[in-house]
Amino acid sequence: MTELEHSILKALIDLDAAVKSMPTAKPKPNLVPLFMHLDELTRKLPVTADPSLLHYLHKKSYEKARLFLQGRDSENKVGNCGHV
């Protein structure tokens, strides 16, 4: 895994934790900076990056991207676009 991919994975894990905390968090976490950071990291990926990772991130399928980077892509379900 590249350093950039590691940064993306960390950002995805942070987003997942923030979303899971929403029901009990007071005040609610602001997710906008997390999404903006992920967008910034995604723009830095080279066109030679894994096509599945690029697809997940461009489609904002953040859970699928996280599972992919964790080596758990087989757990991803087929989406509406026909891509796993």
C-alpha atoms as a PDB file:
ATOM      1  CA  MET A   1       0.000   0.000   0.000  1.00  0.00           C
ATOM      2  CA  THR A   2       1.335   3.422  -0.932  1.00  0.00           C
ATOM      3  CA  GLU A   3       1.622   6.277   1.567  1.00  0.00           C
ATOM      4  CA  LEU A   4      -1.273   8.027  -0.171  1.00  0.00           C
ATOM      5  CA  GLU A   5      -3.441   4.902   0.026  1.00  0.00           C
ATOM      6  CA  HIS A   6      -2.573   4.608   3.713  1.00  0.00           C
ATOM      7  CA  SER A   7      -3.687   8.236   4.213  1.00  0.00           C
ATOM      8  CA  ILE A   8      -6.937   7.496   2.376  1.00  0.00           C
ATOM      9  CA  LEU A   9      -7.540   4.429   4.535  1.00  0.00           C
ATOM     10  CA  LYS A  10      -6.955   6.459   7.708  1.00  0.00           C
ATOM     11  CA  ALA A  11      -9.394   9.126   6.491  1.00  0.00           C
ATOM     12  CA  LEU A  12     -11.972   6.448   5.661  1.00  0.00           C
ATOM     13  CA  ILE A  13     -11.606   4.883   9.113  1.00  0.00           C
ATOM     14  CA  ASP A  14     -11.985   8.334  10.710  1.00  0.00           C
ATOM     15  CA  LEU A  15     -15.141   8.944   8.665  1.00  0.00           C
ATOM     16  CA  ASP A  16     -16.555   5.549   9.622  1.00  0.00           C
ATOM     17  CA  ALA A  17     -15.931   6.241  13.313  1.00  0.00           C
ATOM     18  CA  ALA A  18     -17.530   9.683  13.084  1.00  0.00           C
ATOM     19  CA  VAL A  19     -20.625   8.292  11.354  1.00  0.00           C
ATOM     20  CA  LYS A  20     -20.970   5.512  13.930  1.00  0.00           C
ATOM     21  CA  SER A  21     -20.758   8.068  16.746  1.00  0.00           C
ATOM     22  CA  MET A  22     -23.618  10.171  15.362  1.00  0.00           C
ATOM     23  CA  PRO A  23     -26.482   8.578  17.350  1.00  0.00           C
ATOM     24  CA  THR A  24     -24.922   9.408  20.726  1.00  0.00           C
ATOM     25  CA  ALA A  25     -22.524  12.283  19.996  1.00  0.00           C
ATOM     26  CA  LYS A  26     -23.267  15.674  21.492  1.00  0.00           C
ATOM     27  CA  PRO A  27     -22.532  17.795  19.609  1.00  0.00           C
ATOM     28  CA  LYS A  28     -22.786  15.912  16.354  1.00  0.00           C
ATOM     29  CA  PRO A  29     -19.502  15.662  14.452  1.00  0.00           C
ATOM     30  CA  ASN A  30     -19.065  17.876  11.412  1.00  0.00           C
ATOM     31  CA  LEU A  31     -18.525  15.451   8.530  1.00  0.00           C
ATOM     32  CA  VAL A  32     -17.874  18.113   5.880  1.00  0.00           C
ATOM     33  CA  PRO A  33     -14.136  18.447   6.638  1.00  0.00           C
ATOM     34  CA  LEU A  34     -13.784  14.655   6.440  1.00  0.00           C
ATOM     35  CA  PHE A  35     -15.461  14.559   3.020  1.00  0.00           C
ATOM     36  CA  MET A  36     -13.341  17.477   1.805  1.00  0.00           C
ATOM     37  CA  HIS A  37     -10.160  15.732   2.966  1.00  0.00           C
ATOM     38  CA  LEU A  38     -11.167  12.530   1.163  1.00  0.00           C
ATOM     39  CA  ASP A  39     -11.886  14.512  -2.014  1.00  0.00           C
ATOM     40  CA  GLU A  40      -8.452  16.131  -1.773  1.00  0.00           C
ATOM     41  CA  LEU A  41      -6.715  12.781  -1.290  1.00  0.00           C
ATOM     42  CA  THR A  42      -8.702  11.232  -4.144  1.00  0.00           C
ATOM     43  CA  ARG A  43      -7.563  13.999  -6.517  1.00  0.00           C
ATOM     44  CA  LYS A  44      -3.956  13.119  -5.669  1.00  0.00           C
ATOM     45  CA  LEU A  45      -4.319   9.495  -6.793  1.00  0.00           C
ATOM     46  CA  PRO A  46      -2.525   8.810 -10.071  1.00  0.00           C
ATOM     47  CA  VAL A  47      -4.500   7.552 -13.047  1.00  0.00           C
ATOM     48  CA  THR A  48      -2.487   4.345 -12.664  1.00  0.00           C
ATOM     49  CA  ALA A  49      -4.073   3.643  -9.265  1.00  0.00           C
ATOM     50  CA  ASP A  50      -6.171   0.490  -8.962  1.00  0.00           C
ATOM     51  CA  PRO A  51      -9.339   1.010 -11.072  1.00  0.00           C
ATOM     52  CA  SER A  52     -11.570  -0.418  -8.336  1.00  0.00           C
ATOM     53  CA  LEU A  53     -10.232   2.030  -5.762  1.00  0.00           C
ATOM     54  CA  LEU A  54     -10.652   4.937  -8.168  1.00  0.00           C
ATOM     55  CA  HIS A  55     -14.204   3.803  -8.941  1.00  0.00           C
ATOM     56  CA  TYR A  56     -15.187   3.512  -5.270  1.00  0.00           C
ATOM     57  CA  LEU A  57     -13.757   6.897  -4.356  1.00  0.00           C
ATOM     58  CA  HIS A  58     -15.173   8.743  -7.371  1.00  0.00           C
ATOM     59  CA  LYS A  59     -18.607   7.237  -6.680  1.00  0.00           C
ATOM     60  CA  LYS A  60     -18.264   8.147  -2.968  1.00  0.00           C
ATOM     61  CA  SER A  61     -18.596   4.466  -2.032  1.00  0.00           C
ATOM     62  CA  TYR A  62     -16.453   5.026   1.015  1.00  0.00           C
ATOM     63  CA  GLU A  63     -17.251   1.780   2.809  1.00  0.00           C
ATOM     64  CA  LYS A  64     -16.322  -0.182  -0.315  1.00  0.00           C
ATOM     65  CA  ALA A  65     -13.086   1.798  -0.635  1.00  0.00           C
ATOM     66  CA  ARG A  66     -12.258   1.106   3.020  1.00  0.00           C
ATOM     67  CA  LEU A  67     -12.890  -2.613   2.649  1.00  0.00           C
ATOM     68  CA  PHE A  68     -10.819  -2.660  -0.550  1.00  0.00           C
ATOM     69  CA  LEU A  69      -7.861  -0.987   1.143  1.00  0.00           C
ATOM     70  CA  GLN A  70      -8.168  -3.350   4.098  1.00  0.00           C
ATOM     71  CA  GLY A  71      -7.842  -6.322   1.731  1.00  0.00           C
ATOM     72  CA  ARG A  72     -11.498  -7.219   2.229  1.00  0.00           C
ATOM     73  CA  ASP A  73     -12.847  -6.436  -1.248  1.00  0.00           C
ATOM     74  CA  SER A  74     -14.546  -9.842  -1.372  1.00  0.00           C
ATOM     75  CA  GLU A  75     -16.995  -8.517   1.261  1.00  0.00           C
ATOM     76  CA  ASN A  76     -18.217  -5.789  -1.086  1.00  0.00           C
ATOM     77  CA  LYS A  77     -21.594  -6.276  -2.700  1.00  0.00           C
ATOM     78  CA  VAL A  78     -22.438  -5.416  -6.308  1.00  0.00           C
ATOM     79  CA  GLY A  79     -23.689  -1.831  -6.555  1.00  0.00           C
ATOM     80  CA  ASN A  80     -26.362  -0.285  -8.780  1.00  0.00           C
ATOM     81  CA  CYS A  81     -23.727   0.372 -11.432  1.00  0.00           C
ATOM     82  CA  GLY A  82     -22.939  -3.337 -11.677  1.00  0.00           C
ATOM     83  CA  HIS A  83     -19.502  -2.907 -10.148  1.00  0.00           C
ATOM     84  CA  VAL A  84     -18.659  -4.734  -6.972  1.00  0.00           C
END
